[in-house]
Amino acid sequence: RCGPQGDIVFVLDVSGSVGYYNFKRMINFVKYSVTKFVVNRYHVQFGLVTFGTIVSSEFYLNSYSNVWSILNALSRVRYMDGETNTAGALKYLRTSSFSYMHGKETD
Protein backbone atom coordinates (compact mmCIF):
# COMPACT_ATOMS: atom_id res chain seq x y z
CA ARG A 1 0.00 0.00 0.00
CA CYS A 2 1.13 3.52 -0.67
CA GLY A 3 -0.56 6.86 -0.20
CA PRO A 4 -3.18 7.76 2.40
CA GLN A 5 -4.98 4.83 3.98
CA GLY A 6 -7.99 4.76 6.22
CA ASP A 7 -11.48 3.69 7.04
CA ILE A 8 -13.79 6.69 7.44
CA VAL A 9 -17.41 6.42 8.55
CA PHE A 10 -19.46 9.60 8.60
CA VAL A 11 -22.22 9.76 11.20
CA LEU A 12 -25.03 12.15 10.25
CA ASP A 13 -27.87 13.36 12.45
CA VAL A 14 -31.05 13.26 10.37
CA SER A 15 -33.35 14.09 13.29
CA GLY A 16 -35.82 16.94 13.50
CA SER A 17 -33.40 19.12 15.44
CA VAL A 18 -31.13 19.37 12.38
CA GLY A 19 -33.67 20.47 9.78
CA TYR A 20 -33.70 19.76 6.07
CA TYR A 21 -31.44 22.67 5.06
CA ASN A 22 -28.67 21.62 7.44
CA PHE A 23 -29.10 17.99 6.39
CA LYS A 24 -28.40 18.99 2.77
CA ARG A 25 -25.35 20.97 3.91
CA MET A 26 -24.00 17.88 5.71
CA ILE A 27 -24.53 15.69 2.63
CA ASN A 28 -22.71 18.24 0.48
CA PHE A 29 -19.82 18.32 2.96
CA VAL A 30 -19.52 14.52 2.85
CA LYS A 31 -19.63 14.56 -0.97
CA TYR A 32 -16.89 17.18 -1.08
CA SER A 33 -14.76 15.22 1.41
CA VAL A 34 -15.06 11.94 -0.48
CA THR A 35 -13.77 13.52 -3.68
CA LYS A 36 -10.49 14.41 -1.97
CA PHE A 37 -9.38 10.77 -1.58
CA VAL A 38 -8.43 7.76 -3.66
CA VAL A 39 -11.26 5.35 -2.87
CA ASN A 40 -10.66 1.60 -2.88
CA ARG A 41 -9.91 -1.09 -0.32
CA TYR A 42 -6.18 -0.36 -0.46
CA HIS A 43 -6.45 3.37 0.18
CA VAL A 44 -9.53 4.94 1.75
CA GLN A 45 -12.95 3.41 2.29
CA PHE A 46 -16.07 5.27 3.37
CA GLY A 47 -19.18 4.31 5.24
CA LEU A 48 -22.22 6.28 6.32
CA VAL A 49 -24.43 5.93 9.39
CA THR A 50 -27.52 8.08 9.85
CA PHE A 51 -29.48 8.53 13.02
CA GLY A 52 -32.71 10.04 14.17
CA THR A 53 -35.15 7.91 16.10
CA ILE A 54 -33.71 4.97 14.15
CA VAL A 55 -30.00 4.31 13.56
CA SER A 56 -29.09 2.78 10.22
CA SER A 57 -26.15 2.18 7.98
CA GLU A 58 -26.66 3.81 4.62
CA PHE A 59 -23.58 1.95 3.39
CA TYR A 60 -20.65 0.07 4.88
CA LEU A 61 -16.93 0.50 4.30
CA ASN A 62 -16.94 -2.35 1.78
CA SER A 63 -20.11 -1.31 -0.07
CA TYR A 64 -18.48 0.92 -2.71
CA SER A 65 -15.03 0.92 -4.27
CA ASN A 66 -14.98 4.25 -6.13
CA VAL A 67 -15.89 7.89 -5.62
CA TRP A 68 -18.74 7.96 -8.14
CA SER A 69 -20.68 5.12 -6.54
CA ILE A 70 -20.35 6.77 -3.13
CA LEU A 71 -21.57 10.10 -4.52
CA ASN A 72 -24.53 8.31 -6.09
CA ALA A 73 -25.36 6.61 -2.77
CA LEU A 74 -25.11 9.94 -0.95
CA SER A 75 -27.64 11.41 -3.37
CA ARG A 76 -30.14 8.76 -2.25
CA VAL A 77 -29.85 9.46 1.51
CA ARG A 78 -33.10 10.89 2.89
CA TYR A 79 -33.82 13.27 5.73
CA MET A 80 -35.84 11.31 8.28
CA ASP A 81 -36.84 13.76 11.05
CA GLY A 82 -37.69 12.17 14.43
CA GLU A 83 -35.85 12.16 17.76
CA THR A 84 -32.09 12.47 18.27
CA ASN A 85 -30.43 9.16 19.21
CA THR A 86 -26.73 10.05 19.44
CA ALA A 87 -25.93 7.28 21.93
CA GLY A 88 -27.47 4.67 19.65
CA ALA A 89 -25.49 5.97 16.69
CA LEU A 90 -22.18 5.82 18.55
CA LYS A 91 -22.90 2.32 19.82
CA TYR A 92 -23.77 1.18 16.28
CA LEU A 93 -20.60 2.76 14.94
CA ARG A 94 -18.46 0.97 17.53
CA THR A 95 -20.12 -2.45 17.27
CA SER A 96 -20.97 -2.69 13.58
CA SER A 97 -19.46 -0.11 11.25
CA PHE A 98 -15.80 -0.76 12.08
CA SER A 99 -15.95 -4.54 11.78
CA TYR A 100 -14.01 -6.78 9.43
CA MET A 101 -17.33 -8.13 8.14
CA HIS A 102 -18.25 -4.65 6.93
CA GLY A 103 -14.91 -3.90 5.34
CA LYS A 104 -12.51 -2.77 8.04
CA GLU A 105 -9.05 -2.92 6.42
CA THR A 106 -6.81 -0.80 8.61
CA ASP A 107 -6.03 -0.71 12.31
PDB file of N, CA and C in Angstrom:
ATOM      1  N   ARG A   1       0.831  -1.190   0.000  1.00  0.00           N
ATOM      2  CA  ARG A   1       0.000   0.000   0.000  1.00  0.00           C
ATOM      3  C   ARG A   1       0.868   1.243   0.000  1.00  0.00           C
ATOM      4  N   CYS A   2       0.458   2.230  -0.742  1.00  0.00           N
ATOM      5  CA  CYS A   2       1.128   3.517  -0.673  1.00  0.00           C
ATOM      6  C   CYS A   2       0.081   4.613  -0.755  1.00  0.00           C
ATOM      7  N   GLY A   3       0.391   5.769  -0.257  1.00  0.00           N
ATOM      8  CA  GLY A   3      -0.563   6.860  -0.205  1.00  0.00           C
ATOM      9  C   GLY A   3      -1.406   6.786   1.052  1.00  0.00           C
ATOM     10  N   PRO A   4      -2.321   7.750   1.215  1.00  0.00           N
ATOM     11  CA  PRO A   4      -3.178   7.764   2.404  1.00  0.00           C
ATOM     12  C   PRO A   4      -4.015   6.499   2.503  1.00  0.00           C
ATOM     13  N   GLN A   5      -4.167   6.019   3.726  1.00  0.00           N
ATOM     14  CA  GLN A   5      -4.977   4.834   3.984  1.00  0.00           C
ATOM     15  C   GLN A   5      -5.907   5.130   5.139  1.00  0.00           C
ATOM     16  N   GLY A   6      -7.090   4.571   5.096  1.00  0.00           N
ATOM     17  CA  GLY A   6      -7.985   4.762   6.220  1.00  0.00           C
ATOM     18  C   GLY A   6      -9.381   4.253   5.957  1.00  0.00           C
ATOM     19  N   ASP A   7     -10.074   4.064   7.051  1.00  0.00           N
ATOM     20  CA  ASP A   7     -11.479   3.695   7.045  1.00  0.00           C
ATOM     21  C   ASP A   7     -12.223   4.854   7.699  1.00  0.00           C
ATOM     22  N   ILE A   8     -13.083   5.515   6.946  1.00  0.00           N
ATOM     23  CA  ILE A   8     -13.791   6.690   7.443  1.00  0.00           C
ATOM     24  C   ILE A   8     -15.289   6.436   7.372  1.00  0.00           C
ATOM     25  N   VAL A   9     -15.951   6.536   8.511  1.00  0.00           N
ATOM     26  CA  VAL A   9     -17.409   6.416   8.549  1.00  0.00           C
ATOM     27  C   VAL A   9     -17.970   7.745   9.044  1.00  0.00           C
ATOM     28  N   PHE A  10     -18.764   8.387   8.203  1.00  0.00           N
ATOM     29  CA  PHE A  10     -19.457   9.602   8.599  1.00  0.00           C
ATOM     30  C   PHE A  10     -20.714   9.217   9.361  1.00  0.00           C
ATOM     31  N   VAL A  11     -21.023   9.972  10.401  1.00  0.00           N
ATOM     32  CA  VAL A  11     -22.225   9.759  11.199  1.00  0.00           C
ATOM     33  C   VAL A  11     -23.044  11.045  11.116  1.00  0.00           C
ATOM     34  N   LEU A  12     -24.204  10.962  10.476  1.00  0.00           N
ATOM     35  CA  LEU A  12     -25.025  12.146  10.251  1.00  0.00           C
ATOM     36  C   LEU A  12     -26.328  12.098  11.034  1.00  0.00           C
ATOM     37  N   ASP A  13     -26.615  13.184  11.719  1.00  0.00           N
ATOM     38  CA  ASP A  13     -27.868  13.363  12.448  1.00  0.00           C
ATOM     39  C   ASP A  13     -28.941  13.772  11.448  1.00  0.00           C
ATOM     40  N   VAL A  14     -29.943  12.948  11.274  1.00  0.00           N
ATOM     41  CA  VAL A  14     -31.046  13.258  10.365  1.00  0.00           C
ATOM     42  C   VAL A  14     -32.333  13.484  11.153  1.00  0.00           C
ATOM     43  N   SER A  15     -32.193  13.871  12.430  1.00  0.00           N
ATOM     44  CA  SER A  15     -33.355  14.086  13.290  1.00  0.00           C
ATOM     45  C   SER A  15     -33.970  15.459  13.050  1.00  0.00           C
ATOM     46  N   GLY A  16     -35.109  15.685  13.665  1.00  0.00           N
ATOM     47  CA  GLY A  16     -35.824  16.939  13.500  1.00  0.00           C
ATOM     48  C   GLY A  16     -35.063  18.153  13.983  1.00  0.00           C
ATOM     49  N   SER A  17     -34.142  17.970  14.922  1.00  0.00           N
ATOM     50  CA  SER A  17     -33.398  19.122  15.443  1.00  0.00           C
ATOM     51  C   SER A  17     -32.420  19.696  14.425  1.00  0.00           C
ATOM     52  N   VAL A  18     -32.085  18.931  13.395  1.00  0.00           N
ATOM     53  CA  VAL A  18     -31.134  19.371  12.382  1.00  0.00           C
ATOM     54  C   VAL A  18     -31.817  20.217  11.311  1.00  0.00           C
ATOM     55  N   GLY A  19     -32.960  19.772  10.848  1.00  0.00           N
ATOM     56  CA  GLY A  19     -33.665  20.471   9.783  1.00  0.00           C
ATOM     57  C   GLY A  19     -33.157  20.062   8.410  1.00  0.00           C
ATOM     58  N   TYR A  20     -34.017  20.210   7.421  1.00  0.00           N
ATOM     59  CA  TYR A  20     -33.700  19.757   6.068  1.00  0.00           C
ATOM     60  C   TYR A  20     -32.534  20.533   5.456  1.00  0.00           C
ATOM     61  N   TYR A  21     -32.503  21.851   5.641  1.00  0.00           N
ATOM     62  CA  TYR A  21     -31.443  22.672   5.058  1.00  0.00           C
ATOM     63  C   TYR A  21     -30.072  22.238   5.575  1.00  0.00           C
ATOM     64  N   ASN A  22     -29.950  22.047   6.875  1.00  0.00           N
ATOM     65  CA  ASN A  22     -28.668  21.619   7.443  1.00  0.00           C
ATOM     66  C   ASN A  22     -28.321  20.192   7.046  1.00  0.00           C
ATOM     67  N   PHE A  23     -29.329  19.341   6.881  1.00  0.00           N
ATOM     68  CA  PHE A  23     -29.096  17.987   6.388  1.00  0.00           C
ATOM     69  C   PHE A  23     -28.442  18.042   5.002  1.00  0.00           C
ATOM     70  N   LYS A  24     -28.978  18.872   4.114  1.00  0.00           N
ATOM     71  CA  LYS A  24     -28.405  18.993   2.770  1.00  0.00           C
ATOM     72  C   LYS A  24     -26.977  19.532   2.831  1.00  0.00           C
ATOM     73  N   ARG A  25     -26.697  20.441   3.739  1.00  0.00           N
ATOM     74  CA  ARG A  25     -25.346  20.971   3.909  1.00  0.00           C
ATOM     75  C   ARG A  25     -24.396  19.850   4.352  1.00  0.00           C
ATOM     76  N   MET A  26     -24.846  18.994   5.260  1.00  0.00           N
ATOM     77  CA  MET A  26     -24.002  17.876   5.713  1.00  0.00           C
ATOM     78  C   MET A  26     -23.708  16.917   4.564  1.00  0.00           C
ATOM     79  N   ILE A  27     -24.721  16.586   3.775  1.00  0.00           N
ATOM     80  CA  ILE A  27     -24.529  15.687   2.634  1.00  0.00           C
ATOM     81  C   ILE A  27     -23.531  16.292   1.662  1.00  0.00           C
ATOM     82  N   ASN A  28     -23.650  17.580   1.384  1.00  0.00           N
ATOM     83  CA  ASN A  28     -22.707  18.236   0.478  1.00  0.00           C
ATOM     84  C   ASN A  28     -21.290  18.230   1.031  1.00  0.00           C
ATOM     85  N   PHE A  29     -21.138  18.395   2.340  1.00  0.00           N
ATOM     86  CA  PHE A  29     -19.819  18.324   2.964  1.00  0.00           C
ATOM     87  C   PHE A  29     -19.214  16.927   2.791  1.00  0.00           C
ATOM     88  N   VAL A  30     -20.013  15.897   3.008  1.00  0.00           N
ATOM     89  CA  VAL A  30     -19.524  14.524   2.847  1.00  0.00           C
ATOM     90  C   VAL A  30     -19.135  14.276   1.392  1.00  0.00           C
ATOM     91  N   LYS A  31     -19.960  14.717   0.454  1.00  0.00           N
ATOM     92  CA  LYS A  31     -19.631  14.557  -0.969  1.00  0.00           C
ATOM     93  C   LYS A  31     -18.302  15.227  -1.295  1.00  0.00           C
ATOM     94  N   TYR A  32     -18.131  16.448  -0.842  1.00  0.00           N
ATOM     95  CA  TYR A  32     -16.885  17.175  -1.082  1.00  0.00           C
ATOM     96  C   TYR A  32     -15.700  16.411  -0.487  1.00  0.00           C
ATOM     97  N   SER A  33     -15.845  15.934   0.722  1.00  0.00           N
ATOM     98  CA  SER A  33     -14.765  15.219   1.406  1.00  0.00           C
ATOM     99  C   SER A  33     -14.357  13.957   0.677  1.00  0.00           C
ATOM    100  N   VAL A  34     -15.333  13.191   0.214  1.00  0.00           N
ATOM    101  CA  VAL A  34     -15.063  11.936  -0.478  1.00  0.00           C
ATOM    102  C   VAL A  34     -14.230  12.167  -1.733  1.00  0.00           C
ATOM    103  N   THR A  35     -14.484  13.267  -2.429  1.00  0.00           N
ATOM    104  CA  THR A  35     -13.770  13.518  -3.685  1.00  0.00           C
ATOM    105  C   THR A  35     -12.293  13.839  -3.475  1.00  0.00           C
ATOM    106  N   LYS A  36     -11.874  14.045  -2.260  1.00  0.00           N
ATOM    107  CA  LYS A  36     -10.485  14.411  -1.973  1.00  0.00           C
ATOM    108  C   LYS A  36      -9.583  13.197  -1.741  1.00  0.00           C
ATOM    109  N   PHE A  37     -10.127  11.984  -1.868  1.00  0.00           N
ATOM    110  CA  PHE A  37      -9.376  10.766  -1.577  1.00  0.00           C
ATOM    111  C   PHE A  37      -9.409   9.789  -2.746  1.00  0.00           C
ATOM    112  N   VAL A  38      -8.400   8.922  -2.787  1.00  0.00           N
ATOM    113  CA  VAL A  38      -8.425   7.757  -3.662  1.00  0.00           C
ATOM    114  C   VAL A  38      -9.248   6.710  -2.924  1.00  0.00           C
ATOM    115  N   VAL A  39     -10.339   6.277  -3.524  1.00  0.00           N
ATOM    116  CA  VAL A  39     -11.257   5.352  -2.868  1.00  0.00           C
ATOM    117  C   VAL A  39     -11.084   3.960  -3.439  1.00  0.00           C
ATOM    118  N   ASN A  40     -10.674   3.040  -2.615  1.00  0.00           N
ATOM    119  CA  ASN A  40     -10.659   1.602  -2.879  1.00  0.00           C
ATOM    120  C   ASN A  40     -10.187   0.919  -1.610  1.00  0.00           C
ATOM    121  N   ARG A  41     -10.227  -0.383  -1.570  1.00  0.00           N
ATOM    122  CA  ARG A  41      -9.913  -1.092  -0.323  1.00  0.00           C
ATOM    123  C   ARG A  41      -8.458  -0.955   0.096  1.00  0.00           C
ATOM    124  N   TYR A  42      -7.592  -0.510  -0.788  1.00  0.00           N
ATOM    125  CA  TYR A  42      -6.184  -0.364  -0.456  1.00  0.00           C
ATOM    126  C   TYR A  42      -5.817   1.052  -0.025  1.00  0.00           C
ATOM    127  N   HIS A  43      -6.726   1.990  -0.188  1.00  0.00           N
ATOM    128  CA  HIS A  43      -6.447   3.371   0.184  1.00  0.00           C
ATOM    129  C   HIS A  43      -7.449   3.839   1.237  1.00  0.00           C
ATOM    130  N   VAL A  44      -8.533   4.434   0.809  1.00  0.00           N
ATOM    131  CA  VAL A  44      -9.526   4.945   1.747  1.00  0.00           C
ATOM    132  C   VAL A  44     -10.888   4.362   1.401  1.00  0.00           C
ATOM    133  N   GLN A  45     -11.594   3.915   2.432  1.00  0.00           N
ATOM    134  CA  GLN A  45     -12.955   3.412   2.287  1.00  0.00           C
ATOM    135  C   GLN A  45     -13.875   4.303   3.113  1.00  0.00           C
ATOM    136  N   PHE A  46     -15.101   4.456   2.654  1.00  0.00           N
ATOM    137  CA  PHE A  46     -16.074   5.272   3.368  1.00  0.00           C
ATOM    138  C   PHE A  46     -17.319   4.477   3.704  1.00  0.00           C
ATOM    139  N   GLY A  47     -17.887   4.818   4.836  1.00  0.00           N
ATOM    140  CA  GLY A  47     -19.183   4.305   5.239  1.00  0.00           C
ATOM    141  C   GLY A  47     -20.024   5.475   5.720  1.00  0.00           C
ATOM    142  N   LEU A  48     -21.324   5.235   5.858  1.00  0.00           N
ATOM    143  CA  LEU A  48     -22.222   6.285   6.323  1.00  0.00           C
ATOM    144  C   LEU A  48     -23.284   5.702   7.235  1.00  0.00           C
ATOM    145  N   VAL A  49     -23.384   6.275   8.422  1.00  0.00           N
ATOM    146  CA  VAL A  49     -24.426   5.929   9.386  1.00  0.00           C
ATOM    147  C   VAL A  49     -25.294   7.169   9.580  1.00  0.00           C
ATOM    148  N   THR A  50     -26.608   6.988   9.556  1.00  0.00           N
ATOM    149  CA  THR A  50     -27.524   8.083   9.853  1.00  0.00           C
ATOM    150  C   THR A  50     -28.310   7.729  11.105  1.00  0.00           C
ATOM    151  N   PHE A  51     -28.685   8.781  11.827  1.00  0.00           N
ATOM    152  CA  PHE A  51     -29.482   8.535  13.023  1.00  0.00           C
ATOM    153  C   PHE A  51     -30.484   9.650  13.261  1.00  0.00           C
ATOM    154  N   GLY A  52     -31.630   9.209  13.665  1.00  0.00           N
ATOM    155  CA  GLY A  52     -32.706  10.039  14.172  1.00  0.00           C
ATOM    156  C   GLY A  52     -33.291   9.157  15.261  1.00  0.00           C
ATOM    157  N   THR A  53     -34.567   8.886  15.186  1.00  0.00           N
ATOM    158  CA  THR A  53     -35.155   7.910  16.102  1.00  0.00           C
ATOM    159  C   THR A  53     -34.525   6.543  15.845  1.00  0.00           C
ATOM    160  N   ILE A  54     -34.302   6.228  14.583  1.00  0.00           N
ATOM    161  CA  ILE A  54     -33.706   4.965  14.146  1.00  0.00           C
ATOM    162  C   ILE A  54     -32.266   5.215  13.700  1.00  0.00           C
ATOM    163  N   VAL A  55     -31.386   4.277  14.023  1.00  0.00           N
ATOM    164  CA  VAL A  55     -29.996   4.307  13.562  1.00  0.00           C
ATOM    165  C   VAL A  55     -29.875   3.311  12.423  1.00  0.00           C
ATOM    166  N   SER A  56     -29.268   3.732  11.313  1.00  0.00           N
ATOM    167  CA  SER A  56     -29.089   2.783  10.216  1.00  0.00           C
ATOM    168  C   SER A  56     -27.815   3.072   9.445  1.00  0.00           C
ATOM    169  N   SER A  57     -27.305   2.033   8.855  1.00  0.00           N
ATOM    170  CA  SER A  57     -26.150   2.177   7.984  1.00  0.00           C
ATOM    171  C   SER A  57     -26.661   2.408   6.572  1.00  0.00           C
ATOM    172  N   GLU A  58     -26.293   3.535   6.008  1.00  0.00           N
ATOM    173  CA  GLU A  58     -26.661   3.808   4.616  1.00  0.00           C
ATOM    174  C   GLU A  58     -25.772   2.989   3.691  1.00  0.00           C
ATOM    175  N   PHE A  59     -24.486   2.857   4.071  1.00  0.00           N
ATOM    176  CA  PHE A  59     -23.576   1.947   3.387  1.00  0.00           C
ATOM    177  C   PHE A  59     -22.367   1.692   4.269  1.00  0.00           C
ATOM    178  N   TYR A  60     -21.801   0.502   4.096  1.00  0.00           N
ATOM    179  CA  TYR A  60     -20.646   0.073   4.879  1.00  0.00           C
ATOM    180  C   TYR A  60     -19.346   0.408   4.165  1.00  0.00           C
ATOM    181  N   LEU A  61     -18.254   0.240   4.866  1.00  0.00           N
ATOM    182  CA  LEU A  61     -16.932   0.502   4.298  1.00  0.00           C
ATOM    183  C   LEU A  61     -16.692  -0.287   3.012  1.00  0.00           C
ATOM    184  N   ASN A  62     -17.187  -1.505   2.948  1.00  0.00           N
ATOM    185  CA  ASN A  62     -16.943  -2.350   1.777  1.00  0.00           C
ATOM    186  C   ASN A  62     -18.087  -2.325   0.754  1.00  0.00           C
ATOM    187  N   SER A  63     -18.986  -1.372   0.873  1.00  0.00           N
ATOM    188  CA  SER A  63     -20.108  -1.305  -0.074  1.00  0.00           C
ATOM    189  C   SER A  63     -19.708  -0.754  -1.434  1.00  0.00           C
ATOM    190  N   TYR A  64     -18.832   0.248  -1.453  1.00  0.00           N
ATOM    191  CA  TYR A  64     -18.478   0.917  -2.706  1.00  0.00           C
ATOM    192  C   TYR A  64     -16.968   1.048  -2.836  1.00  0.00           C
ATOM    193  N   SER A  65     -16.482   0.909  -4.056  1.00  0.00           N
ATOM    194  CA  SER A  65     -15.033   0.923  -4.269  1.00  0.00           C
ATOM    195  C   SER A  65     -14.555   2.070  -5.152  1.00  0.00           C
ATOM    196  N   ASN A  66     -15.424   3.072  -5.374  1.00  0.00           N
ATOM    197  CA  ASN A  66     -14.982   4.246  -6.126  1.00  0.00           C
ATOM    198  C   ASN A  66     -15.803   5.465  -5.717  1.00  0.00           C
ATOM    199  N   VAL A  67     -15.273   6.628  -6.026  1.00  0.00           N
ATOM    200  CA  VAL A  67     -15.891   7.888  -5.623  1.00  0.00           C
ATOM    201  C   VAL A  67     -17.290   8.040  -6.202  1.00  0.00           C
ATOM    202  N   TRP A  68     -17.455   7.710  -7.474  1.00  0.00           N
ATOM    203  CA  TRP A  68     -18.743   7.955  -8.141  1.00  0.00           C
ATOM    204  C   TRP A  68     -19.872   7.145  -7.536  1.00  0.00           C
ATOM    205  N   SER A  69     -19.611   5.921  -7.151  1.00  0.00           N
ATOM    206  CA  SER A  69     -20.678   5.116  -6.544  1.00  0.00           C
ATOM    207  C   SER A  69     -21.036   5.639  -5.152  1.00  0.00           C
ATOM    208  N   ILE A  70     -20.065   6.169  -4.441  1.00  0.00           N
ATOM    209  CA  ILE A  70     -20.355   6.767  -3.135  1.00  0.00           C
ATOM    210  C   ILE A  70     -21.183   8.041  -3.315  1.00  0.00           C
ATOM    211  N   LEU A  71     -20.811   8.870  -4.271  1.00  0.00           N
ATOM    212  CA  LEU A  71     -21.574  10.098  -4.524  1.00  0.00           C
ATOM    213  C   LEU A  71     -23.013   9.777  -4.913  1.00  0.00           C
ATOM    214  N   ASN A  72     -23.191   8.739  -5.702  1.00  0.00           N
ATOM    215  CA  ASN A  72     -24.532   8.310  -6.090  1.00  0.00           C
ATOM    216  C   ASN A  72     -25.325   7.851  -4.865  1.00  0.00           C
ATOM    217  N   ALA A  73     -24.688   7.072  -3.996  1.00  0.00           N
ATOM    218  CA  ALA A  73     -25.357   6.610  -2.773  1.00  0.00           C
ATOM    219  C   ALA A  73     -25.711   7.782  -1.865  1.00  0.00           C
ATOM    220  N   LEU A  74     -24.830   8.766  -1.774  1.00  0.00           N
ATOM    221  CA  LEU A  74     -25.108   9.942  -0.949  1.00  0.00           C
ATOM    222  C   LEU A  74     -26.305  10.729  -1.478  1.00  0.00           C
ATOM    223  N   SER A  75     -26.501  10.720  -2.774  1.00  0.00           N
ATOM    224  CA  SER A  75     -27.644  11.413  -3.371  1.00  0.00           C
ATOM    225  C   SER A  75     -28.968  10.752  -3.012  1.00  0.00           C
ATOM    226  N   ARG A  76     -28.913   9.496  -2.601  1.00  0.00           N
ATOM    227  CA  ARG A  76     -30.136   8.759  -2.249  1.00  0.00           C
ATOM    228  C   ARG A  76     -30.473   8.817  -0.757  1.00  0.00           C
ATOM    229  N   VAL A  77     -29.601   9.383   0.067  1.00  0.00           N
ATOM    230  CA  VAL A  77     -29.850   9.456   1.508  1.00  0.00           C
ATOM    231  C   VAL A  77     -30.982  10.447   1.762  1.00  0.00           C
ATOM    232  N   ARG A  78     -31.917  10.063   2.615  1.00  0.00           N
ATOM    233  CA  ARG A  78     -33.099  10.887   2.886  1.00  0.00           C
ATOM    234  C   ARG A  78     -33.086  11.438   4.310  1.00  0.00           C
ATOM    235  N   TYR A  79     -33.605  12.642   4.421  1.00  0.00           N
ATOM    236  CA  TYR A  79     -33.816  13.267   5.726  1.00  0.00           C
ATOM    237  C   TYR A  79     -35.004  12.576   6.382  1.00  0.00           C
ATOM    238  N   MET A  80     -34.822  12.141   7.645  1.00  0.00           N
ATOM    239  CA  MET A  80     -35.838  11.306   8.275  1.00  0.00           C
ATOM    240  C   MET A  80     -36.661  12.005   9.349  1.00  0.00           C
ATOM    241  N   ASP A  81     -36.153  13.089   9.950  1.00  0.00           N
ATOM    242  CA  ASP A  81     -36.840  13.756  11.048  1.00  0.00           C
ATOM    243  C   ASP A  81     -36.795  12.859  12.298  1.00  0.00           C
ATOM    244  N   GLY A  82     -37.654  13.020  13.244  1.00  0.00           N
ATOM    245  CA  GLY A  82     -37.694  12.174  14.435  1.00  0.00           C
ATOM    246  C   GLY A  82     -36.811  12.690  15.561  1.00  0.00           C
ATOM    247  N   GLU A  83     -36.630  11.841  16.559  1.00  0.00           N
ATOM    248  CA  GLU A  83     -35.847  12.163  17.758  1.00  0.00           C
ATOM    249  C   GLU A  83     -34.357  12.016  17.485  1.00  0.00           C
ATOM    250  N   THR A  84     -33.547  12.585  18.374  1.00  0.00           N
ATOM    251  CA  THR A  84     -32.087  12.471  18.269  1.00  0.00           C
ATOM    252  C   THR A  84     -31.611  11.310  19.123  1.00  0.00           C
ATOM    253  N   ASN A  85     -30.904  10.361  18.512  1.00  0.00           N
ATOM    254  CA  ASN A  85     -30.428   9.162  19.209  1.00  0.00           C
ATOM    255  C   ASN A  85     -28.909   9.054  19.040  1.00  0.00           C
ATOM    256  N   THR A  86     -28.183  10.015  19.583  1.00  0.00           N
ATOM    257  CA  THR A  86     -26.727  10.046  19.439  1.00  0.00           C
ATOM    258  C   THR A  86     -26.075   8.825  20.071  1.00  0.00           C
ATOM    259  N   ALA A  87     -26.524   8.434  21.250  1.00  0.00           N
ATOM    260  CA  ALA A  87     -25.932   7.278  21.935  1.00  0.00           C
ATOM    261  C   ALA A  87     -26.093   6.012  21.098  1.00  0.00           C
ATOM    262  N   GLY A  88     -27.244   5.832  20.505  1.00  0.00           N
ATOM    263  CA  GLY A  88     -27.471   4.667  19.648  1.00  0.00           C
ATOM    264  C   GLY A  88     -26.569   4.676  18.431  1.00  0.00           C
ATOM    265  N   ALA A  89     -26.354   5.851  17.865  1.00  0.00           N
ATOM    266  CA  ALA A  89     -25.488   5.967  16.686  1.00  0.00           C
ATOM    267  C   ALA A  89     -24.049   5.615  17.031  1.00  0.00           C
ATOM    268  N   LEU A  90     -23.560   6.108  18.156  1.00  0.00           N
ATOM    269  CA  LEU A  90     -22.178   5.821  18.551  1.00  0.00           C
ATOM    270  C   LEU A  90     -21.985   4.348  18.898  1.00  0.00           C
ATOM    271  N   LYS A  91     -22.982   3.749  19.521  1.00  0.00           N
ATOM    272  CA  LYS A  91     -22.900   2.317  19.817  1.00  0.00           C
ATOM    273  C   LYS A  91     -22.878   1.508  18.522  1.00  0.00           C
ATOM    274  N   TYR A  92     -23.729   1.868  17.572  1.00  0.00           N
ATOM    275  CA  TYR A  92     -23.767   1.177  16.279  1.00  0.00           C
ATOM    276  C   TYR A  92     -22.434   1.312  15.566  1.00  0.00           C
ATOM    277  N   LEU A  93     -21.889   2.505  15.581  1.00  0.00           N
ATOM    278  CA  LEU A  93     -20.597   2.759  14.944  1.00  0.00           C
ATOM    279  C   LEU A  93     -19.527   1.846  15.530  1.00  0.00           C
ATOM    280  N   ARG A  94     -19.482   1.763  16.845  1.00  0.00           N
ATOM    281  CA  ARG A  94     -18.460   0.970  17.530  1.00  0.00           C
ATOM    282  C   ARG A  94     -18.643  -0.528  17.313  1.00  0.00           C
ATOM    283  N   THR A  95     -19.879  -1.003  17.320  1.00  0.00           N
ATOM    284  CA  THR A  95     -20.116  -2.449  17.274  1.00  0.00           C
ATOM    285  C   THR A  95     -20.295  -3.012  15.858  1.00  0.00           C
ATOM    286  N   SER A  96     -20.648  -2.170  14.906  1.00  0.00           N
ATOM    287  CA  SER A  96     -20.968  -2.695  13.576  1.00  0.00           C
ATOM    288  C   SER A  96     -20.151  -2.079  12.444  1.00  0.00           C
ATOM    289  N   SER A  97     -20.075  -0.771  12.397  1.00  0.00           N
ATOM    290  CA  SER A  97     -19.462  -0.110  11.245  1.00  0.00           C
ATOM    291  C   SER A  97     -17.995  -0.448  11.065  1.00  0.00           C
ATOM    292  N   PHE A  98     -17.239  -0.469  12.158  1.00  0.00           N
ATOM    293  CA  PHE A  98     -15.800  -0.757  12.078  1.00  0.00           C
ATOM    294  C   PHE A  98     -15.530  -2.225  12.378  1.00  0.00           C
ATOM    295  N   SER A  99     -16.176  -3.106  11.621  1.00  0.00           N
ATOM    296  CA  SER A  99     -15.949  -4.538  11.778  1.00  0.00           C
ATOM    297  C   SER A  99     -15.329  -5.079  10.486  1.00  0.00           C
ATOM    298  N   TYR A 100     -14.604  -6.166  10.615  1.00  0.00           N
ATOM    299  CA  TYR A 100     -14.008  -6.781   9.426  1.00  0.00           C
ATOM    300  C   TYR A 100     -15.085  -7.251   8.456  1.00  0.00           C
ATOM    301  N   MET A 101     -16.232  -7.676   8.989  1.00  0.00           N
ATOM    302  CA  MET A 101     -17.330  -8.130   8.142  1.00  0.00           C
ATOM    303  C   MET A 101     -17.836  -7.011   7.233  1.00  0.00           C
ATOM    304  N   HIS A 102     -17.762  -5.775   7.708  1.00  0.00           N
ATOM    305  CA  HIS A 102     -18.251  -4.646   6.933  1.00  0.00           C
ATOM    306  C   HIS A 102     -17.132  -3.870   6.254  1.00  0.00           C
ATOM    307  N   GLY A 103     -15.952  -4.466   6.167  1.00  0.00           N
ATOM    308  CA  GLY A 103     -14.911  -3.898   5.337  1.00  0.00           C
ATOM    309  C   GLY A 103     -13.728  -3.259   6.039  1.00  0.00           C
ATOM    310  N   LYS A 104     -13.651  -3.375   7.352  1.00  0.00           N
ATOM    311  CA  LYS A 104     -12.509  -2.773   8.042  1.00  0.00           C
ATOM    312  C   LYS A 104     -11.219  -3.357   7.454  1.00  0.00           C
ATOM    313  N   GLU A 105     -10.319  -2.482   7.026  1.00  0.00           N
ATOM    314  CA  GLU A 105      -9.053  -2.920   6.418  1.00  0.00           C
ATOM    315  C   GLU A 105      -7.852  -2.476   7.223  1.00  0.00           C
ATOM    316  N   THR A 106      -7.968  -1.343   7.916  1.00  0.00           N
ATOM    317  CA  THR A 106      -6.812  -0.797   8.606  1.00  0.00           C
ATOM    318  C   THR A 106      -7.038  -0.809  10.111  1.00  0.00           C
ATOM    319  N   ASP A 107      -5.950  -0.778  10.845  1.00  0.00           N
ATOM    320  CA  ASP A 107      -6.035  -0.709  12.315  1.00  0.00           C
ATOM    321  C   ASP A 107      -5.623   0.652  12.811  1.00  0.00           C
TER     322      ASP A 107
END
